[in-house]
């Protein structure tokens, strides 16, 4: 079954040439990892970028059975941004395949996680400037560590712990080790 590709654009127009280019390039990801079901491509022009070389933004999220990968790239040309974001995803796929097929020989499935990263710092600490929603899928602590690494989250990762039926936060400590915050309703 071919990968379903959904293209969203903001602050720019999607012409036929760009649509065909993105479709042809993204559809090739299925050759790298056959379990991929859908890909969401977001193309946008960022007017507020500090440098003109960072204004064409391509963001790619691919989902499949037990896998969620996301990458973003900014360049001065939208086609170059698409190529660069695909290269990042291909590296993540290689990393995923290495871990999945070497380290997980017991046949267990990873839980699918539908998450988005959070906006960086707030300008006014008393105001919420960005709000995101994501689905929590039950997973174990080792699966959460693997997802945190695969998604490239350096600081923290929120997940629903299927073993304890609680929402947990996995975070990187200053010494480089991982910590786990277990929630408790009082």
C-alpha atoms as a PDB file:
ATOM      1  CA  UNK A   1       0.000   0.000   0.000  1.00  0.00           C
ATOM      2  CA  UNK A   2       1.525   3.355  -0.971  1.00  0.00           C
ATOM      3  CA  UNK A   3       2.224   5.956   1.661  1.00  0.00           C
ATOM      4  CA  UNK A   4      -0.518   8.608   2.050  1.00  0.00           C
ATOM      5  CA  UNK A   5       0.982  12.073   1.632  1.00  0.00           C
ATOM      6  CA  UNK A   6      -0.744  15.150   3.030  1.00  0.00           C
ATOM      7  CA  UNK A   7       0.766  18.527   2.093  1.00  0.00           C
ATOM      8  CA  UNK A   8      -0.034  21.735   3.986  1.00  0.00           C
ATOM      9  CA  UNK A   9       1.268  25.174   3.023  1.00  0.00           C
ATOM     10  CA  UNK A  10       1.288  28.449   4.923  1.00  0.00           C
ATOM     11  CA  UNK A  11       2.329  31.885   3.720  1.00  0.00           C
ATOM     12  CA  UNK A  12       3.107  30.502   0.249  1.00  0.00           C
ATOM     13  CA  UNK A  13       1.406  28.880  -2.736  1.00  0.00           C
ATOM     14  CA  UNK A  14       1.630  25.224  -3.687  1.00  0.00           C
ATOM     15  CA  UNK A  15       2.076  25.022  -7.441  1.00  0.00           C
ATOM     16  CA  UNK A  16       1.850  21.774  -9.420  1.00  0.00           C
ATOM     17  CA  UNK A  17       5.621  21.519  -9.865  1.00  0.00           C
ATOM     18  CA  UNK A  18       6.288  21.720  -6.113  1.00  0.00           C
ATOM     19  CA  UNK A  19       3.434  19.297  -5.328  1.00  0.00           C
ATOM     20  CA  UNK A  20       4.777  16.722  -7.819  1.00  0.00           C
ATOM     21  CA  UNK A  21       8.307  17.179  -6.442  1.00  0.00           C
ATOM     22  CA  UNK A  22       7.228  16.613  -2.841  1.00  0.00           C
ATOM     23  CA  UNK A  23       4.995  13.655  -3.766  1.00  0.00           C
ATOM     24  CA  UNK A  24       7.729  11.926  -5.763  1.00  0.00           C
ATOM     25  CA  UNK A  25      10.408  12.439  -3.109  1.00  0.00           C
ATOM     26  CA  UNK A  26       8.314  11.560  -0.055  1.00  0.00           C
ATOM     27  CA  UNK A  27       6.769   8.466  -1.675  1.00  0.00           C
ATOM     28  CA  UNK A  28      10.280   6.975  -1.893  1.00  0.00           C
ATOM     29  CA  UNK A  29      10.461   6.783   1.913  1.00  0.00           C
ATOM     30  CA  UNK A  30       8.386   3.611   1.712  1.00  0.00           C
ATOM     31  CA  UNK A  31      11.430   1.872   0.185  1.00  0.00           C
ATOM     32  CA  UNK A  32      13.446   2.648   3.317  1.00  0.00           C
ATOM     33  CA  UNK A  33      10.806   1.490   5.812  1.00  0.00           C
ATOM     34  CA  UNK A  34       7.842  -0.530   4.554  1.00  0.00           C
ATOM     35  CA  UNK A  35       5.657  -0.011   7.648  1.00  0.00           C
ATOM     36  CA  UNK A  36       5.141   3.709   6.948  1.00  0.00           C
ATOM     37  CA  UNK A  37       1.462   4.560   6.368  1.00  0.00           C
ATOM     38  CA  UNK A  38       1.268   8.330   6.135  1.00  0.00           C
ATOM     39  CA  UNK A  39       3.417  11.402   5.747  1.00  0.00           C
ATOM     40  CA  UNK A  40       2.473  14.976   6.584  1.00  0.00           C
ATOM     41  CA  UNK A  41       4.501  17.684   4.890  1.00  0.00           C
ATOM     42  CA  UNK A  42       4.215  21.278   6.035  1.00  0.00           C
ATOM     43  CA  UNK A  43       5.781  23.909   3.790  1.00  0.00           C
ATOM     44  CA  UNK A  44       5.864  27.506   4.932  1.00  0.00           C
ATOM     45  CA  UNK A  45       7.528  30.827   4.427  1.00  0.00           C
ATOM     46  CA  UNK A  46       8.764  32.237   7.740  1.00  0.00           C
ATOM     47  CA  UNK A  47       8.851  36.012   7.438  1.00  0.00           C
ATOM     48  CA  UNK A  48      10.203  36.424  10.936  1.00  0.00           C
ATOM     49  CA  UNK A  49      13.358  34.404  10.362  1.00  0.00           C
ATOM     50  CA  UNK A  50      16.503  36.360  11.215  1.00  0.00           C
ATOM     51  CA  UNK A  51      18.314  35.320   8.073  1.00  0.00           C
ATOM     52  CA  UNK A  52      16.964  35.140   4.529  1.00  0.00           C
ATOM     53  CA  UNK A  53      18.613  31.712   4.327  1.00  0.00           C
ATOM     54  CA  UNK A  54      16.215  30.416   7.006  1.00  0.00           C
ATOM     55  CA  UNK A  55      12.868  31.521   5.584  1.00  0.00           C
ATOM     56  CA  UNK A  56      11.807  28.488   3.503  1.00  0.00           C
ATOM     57  CA  UNK A  57      10.732  25.843   6.026  1.00  0.00           C
ATOM     58  CA  UNK A  58       9.909  22.203   5.348  1.00  0.00           C
ATOM     59  CA  UNK A  59       8.597  20.016   8.158  1.00  0.00           C
ATOM     60  CA  UNK A  60       7.988  16.293   7.655  1.00  0.00           C
ATOM     61  CA  UNK A  61       6.213  13.883   9.982  1.00  0.00           C
ATOM     62  CA  UNK A  62       5.958  10.209   9.027  1.00  0.00           C
ATOM     63  CA  UNK A  63       3.840   7.665  10.850  1.00  0.00           C
ATOM     64  CA  UNK A  64       3.564   3.940  10.580  1.00  0.00           C
ATOM     65  CA  UNK A  65       2.816   0.940  12.700  1.00  0.00           C
ATOM     66  CA  UNK A  66       4.796   1.597  15.859  1.00  0.00           C
ATOM     67  CA  UNK A  67       6.863   4.498  14.535  1.00  0.00           C
ATOM     68  CA  UNK A  68       6.620   8.283  14.460  1.00  0.00           C
ATOM     69  CA  UNK A  69       9.453  10.369  13.032  1.00  0.00           C
ATOM     70  CA  UNK A  70       9.611  14.139  12.615  1.00  0.00           C
ATOM     71  CA  UNK A  71      12.141  16.569  11.154  1.00  0.00           C
ATOM     72  CA  UNK A  72      12.273  20.222  10.154  1.00  0.00           C
ATOM     73  CA  UNK A  73      14.713  22.080   7.933  1.00  0.00           C
ATOM     74  CA  UNK A  74      15.116  25.757   6.991  1.00  0.00           C
ATOM     75  CA  UNK A  75      16.990  27.035   3.941  1.00  0.00           C
ATOM     76  CA  UNK A  76      16.724  29.820   1.388  1.00  0.00           C
ATOM     77  CA  UNK A  77      15.052  27.547  -1.208  1.00  0.00           C
ATOM     78  CA  UNK A  78      11.961  25.405  -0.599  1.00  0.00           C
ATOM     79  CA  UNK A  79      13.264  22.569  -2.799  1.00  0.00           C
ATOM     80  CA  UNK A  80      16.524  22.493  -0.826  1.00  0.00           C
ATOM     81  CA  UNK A  81      14.495  22.463   2.407  1.00  0.00           C
ATOM     82  CA  UNK A  82      12.492  19.460   1.165  1.00  0.00           C
ATOM     83  CA  UNK A  83      15.679  17.598   0.208  1.00  0.00           C
ATOM     84  CA  UNK A  84      17.340  18.374   3.547  1.00  0.00           C
ATOM     85  CA  UNK A  85      14.324  17.336   5.632  1.00  0.00           C
ATOM     86  CA  UNK A  86      14.110  14.059   3.682  1.00  0.00           C
ATOM     87  CA  UNK A  87      17.787  13.408   4.394  1.00  0.00           C
ATOM     88  CA  UNK A  88      17.127  13.941   8.108  1.00  0.00           C
ATOM     89  CA  UNK A  89      14.182  11.534   8.055  1.00  0.00           C
ATOM     90  CA  UNK A  90      16.241   8.927   6.194  1.00  0.00           C
ATOM     91  CA  UNK A  91      18.912   9.128   8.914  1.00  0.00           C
ATOM     92  CA  UNK A  92      16.211   8.724  11.565  1.00  0.00           C
ATOM     93  CA  UNK A  93      14.823   5.703   9.689  1.00  0.00           C
ATOM     94  CA  UNK A  94      18.299   4.139   9.596  1.00  0.00           C
ATOM     95  CA  UNK A  95      18.665   4.784  13.327  1.00  0.00           C
ATOM     96  CA  UNK A  96      15.207   3.326  13.981  1.00  0.00           C
ATOM     97  CA  UNK A  97      15.887   0.216  11.898  1.00  0.00           C
ATOM     98  CA  UNK A  98      19.187  -0.358  13.676  1.00  0.00           C
ATOM     99  CA  UNK A  99      17.604  -0.192  17.103  1.00  0.00           C
ATOM    100  CA  UNK A 100      14.419  -1.961  16.159  1.00  0.00           C
ATOM    101  CA  UNK A 101      15.947  -4.928  14.414  1.00  0.00           C
ATOM    102  CA  UNK A 102      19.132  -5.309  16.481  1.00  0.00           C
ATOM    103  CA  UNK A 103      18.024  -4.476  20.014  1.00  0.00           C
ATOM    104  CA  UNK A 104      14.390  -5.593  19.947  1.00  0.00           C
ATOM    105  CA  UNK A 105      14.733  -9.214  18.961  1.00  0.00           C
ATOM    106  CA  UNK A 106      11.972 -10.367  21.267  1.00  0.00           C
ATOM    107  CA  UNK A 107       9.253  -9.325  18.800  1.00  0.00           C
ATOM    108  CA  UNK A 108       7.637  -6.671  20.999  1.00  0.00           C
ATOM    109  CA  UNK A 109       5.954  -3.734  19.196  1.00  0.00           C
ATOM    110  CA  UNK A 110       6.690  -0.132  20.032  1.00  0.00           C
ATOM    111  CA  UNK A 111       3.694   1.942  21.012  1.00  0.00           C
ATOM    112  CA  UNK A 112       2.690   4.536  18.480  1.00  0.00           C
ATOM    113  CA  UNK A 113       3.129   8.031  19.796  1.00  0.00           C
ATOM    114  CA  UNK A 114       1.406  10.996  18.201  1.00  0.00           C
ATOM    115  CA  UNK A 115       3.221  13.913  19.686  1.00  0.00           C
ATOM    116  CA  UNK A 116       4.391  17.328  18.711  1.00  0.00           C
ATOM    117  CA  UNK A 117       7.268  19.215  20.203  1.00  0.00           C
ATOM    118  CA  UNK A 118       6.569  22.194  22.379  1.00  0.00           C
ATOM    119  CA  UNK A 119       7.307  25.802  21.526  1.00  0.00           C
ATOM    120  CA  UNK A 120      10.501  27.202  22.962  1.00  0.00           C
ATOM    121  CA  UNK A 121      10.471  29.771  25.773  1.00  0.00           C
ATOM    122  CA  UNK A 122       7.672  32.161  26.526  1.00  0.00           C
ATOM    123  CA  UNK A 123       8.030  35.892  25.914  1.00  0.00           C
ATOM    124  CA  UNK A 124       5.650  36.777  28.752  1.00  0.00           C
ATOM    125  CA  UNK A 125       5.712  34.123  31.488  1.00  0.00           C
ATOM    126  CA  UNK A 126       2.140  34.973  32.529  1.00  0.00           C
ATOM    127  CA  UNK A 127       0.730  34.271  29.065  1.00  0.00           C
ATOM    128  CA  UNK A 128       0.469  31.031  27.151  1.00  0.00           C
ATOM    129  CA  UNK A 129       1.710  31.880  23.662  1.00  0.00           C
ATOM    130  CA  UNK A 130       1.303  28.456  22.114  1.00  0.00           C
ATOM    131  CA  UNK A 131      -0.846  25.466  22.916  1.00  0.00           C
ATOM    132  CA  UNK A 132      -0.352  21.975  21.475  1.00  0.00           C
ATOM    133  CA  UNK A 133      -2.306  18.776  21.881  1.00  0.00           C
ATOM    134  CA  UNK A 134      -1.011  15.253  21.444  1.00  0.00           C
ATOM    135  CA  UNK A 135      -2.295  11.756  22.002  1.00  0.00           C
ATOM    136  CA  UNK A 136      -0.833   9.632  24.769  1.00  0.00           C
ATOM    137  CA  UNK A 137      -0.457   6.002  23.831  1.00  0.00           C
ATOM    138  CA  UNK A 138       0.412   3.487  26.573  1.00  0.00           C
ATOM    139  CA  UNK A 139       4.057   2.427  26.533  1.00  0.00           C
ATOM    140  CA  UNK A 140       6.677   1.106  28.899  1.00  0.00           C
ATOM    141  CA  UNK A 141       9.634   3.101  30.236  1.00  0.00           C
ATOM    142  CA  UNK A 142      12.140   1.489  27.805  1.00  0.00           C
ATOM    143  CA  UNK A 143       9.824   2.285  24.883  1.00  0.00           C
ATOM    144  CA  UNK A 144       9.548   5.899  26.093  1.00  0.00           C
ATOM    145  CA  UNK A 145      13.351   6.181  26.228  1.00  0.00           C
ATOM    146  CA  UNK A 146      13.565   4.807  22.691  1.00  0.00           C
ATOM    147  CA  UNK A 147      10.863   7.188  21.396  1.00  0.00           C
ATOM    148  CA  UNK A 148      12.561  10.154  23.101  1.00  0.00           C
ATOM    149  CA  UNK A 149      15.777   9.295  21.296  1.00  0.00           C
ATOM    150  CA  UNK A 150      14.131   8.551  17.930  1.00  0.00           C
ATOM    151  CA  UNK A 151      12.197  11.827  17.952  1.00  0.00           C
ATOM    152  CA  UNK A 152      15.333  13.767  18.864  1.00  0.00           C
ATOM    153  CA  UNK A 153      13.916  15.209  22.077  1.00  0.00           C
ATOM    154  CA  UNK A 154      16.896  16.217  24.196  1.00  0.00           C
ATOM    155  CA  UNK A 155      15.205  17.675  27.284  1.00  0.00           C
ATOM    156  CA  UNK A 156      11.986  15.825  28.073  1.00  0.00           C
ATOM    157  CA  UNK A 157       9.318  13.434  26.814  1.00  0.00           C
ATOM    158  CA  UNK A 158       5.768  13.021  28.156  1.00  0.00           C
ATOM    159  CA  UNK A 159       4.187   9.571  27.939  1.00  0.00           C
ATOM    160  CA  UNK A 160       1.407   7.428  29.389  1.00  0.00           C
ATOM    161  CA  UNK A 161       2.998   4.612  31.364  1.00  0.00           C
ATOM    162  CA  UNK A 162       0.981   1.495  30.565  1.00  0.00           C
ATOM    163  CA  UNK A 163       2.490  -0.388  33.522  1.00  0.00           C
ATOM    164  CA  UNK A 164       1.383   2.129  36.175  1.00  0.00           C
ATOM    165  CA  UNK A 165      -1.541   3.799  34.315  1.00  0.00           C
ATOM    166  CA  UNK A 166      -0.063   7.236  34.994  1.00  0.00           C
ATOM    167  CA  UNK A 167       1.262  10.118  32.938  1.00  0.00           C
ATOM    168  CA  UNK A 168       5.048  10.309  33.337  1.00  0.00           C
ATOM    169  CA  UNK A 169       7.707  12.765  32.224  1.00  0.00           C
ATOM    170  CA  UNK A 170      11.063  11.452  31.130  1.00  0.00           C
ATOM    171  CA  UNK A 171      13.748  14.158  31.331  1.00  0.00           C
ATOM    172  CA  UNK A 172      17.481  14.586  30.817  1.00  0.00           C
ATOM    173  CA  UNK A 173      19.352  15.582  33.975  1.00  0.00           C
ATOM    174  CA  UNK A 174      22.307  17.965  34.062  1.00  0.00           C
ATOM    175  CA  UNK A 175      24.748  15.060  34.455  1.00  0.00           C
ATOM    176  CA  UNK A 176      23.404  13.487  31.217  1.00  0.00           C
ATOM    177  CA  UNK A 177      21.425  10.690  32.863  1.00  0.00           C
ATOM    178  CA  UNK A 178      17.652  10.331  32.601  1.00  0.00           C
ATOM    179  CA  UNK A 179      15.114  11.097  35.310  1.00  0.00           C
ATOM    180  CA  UNK A 180      11.466  10.083  35.547  1.00  0.00           C
ATOM    181  CA  UNK A 181       8.678  12.188  37.051  1.00  0.00           C
ATOM    182  CA  UNK A 182       5.700  10.082  38.103  1.00  0.00           C
ATOM    183  CA  UNK A 183       2.407  11.957  38.409  1.00  0.00           C
ATOM    184  CA  UNK A 184       0.152  11.542  41.397  1.00  0.00           C
ATOM    185  CA  UNK A 185      -3.347  12.958  41.821  1.00  0.00           C
ATOM    186  CA  UNK A 186      -3.988  14.223  45.351  1.00  0.00           C
END
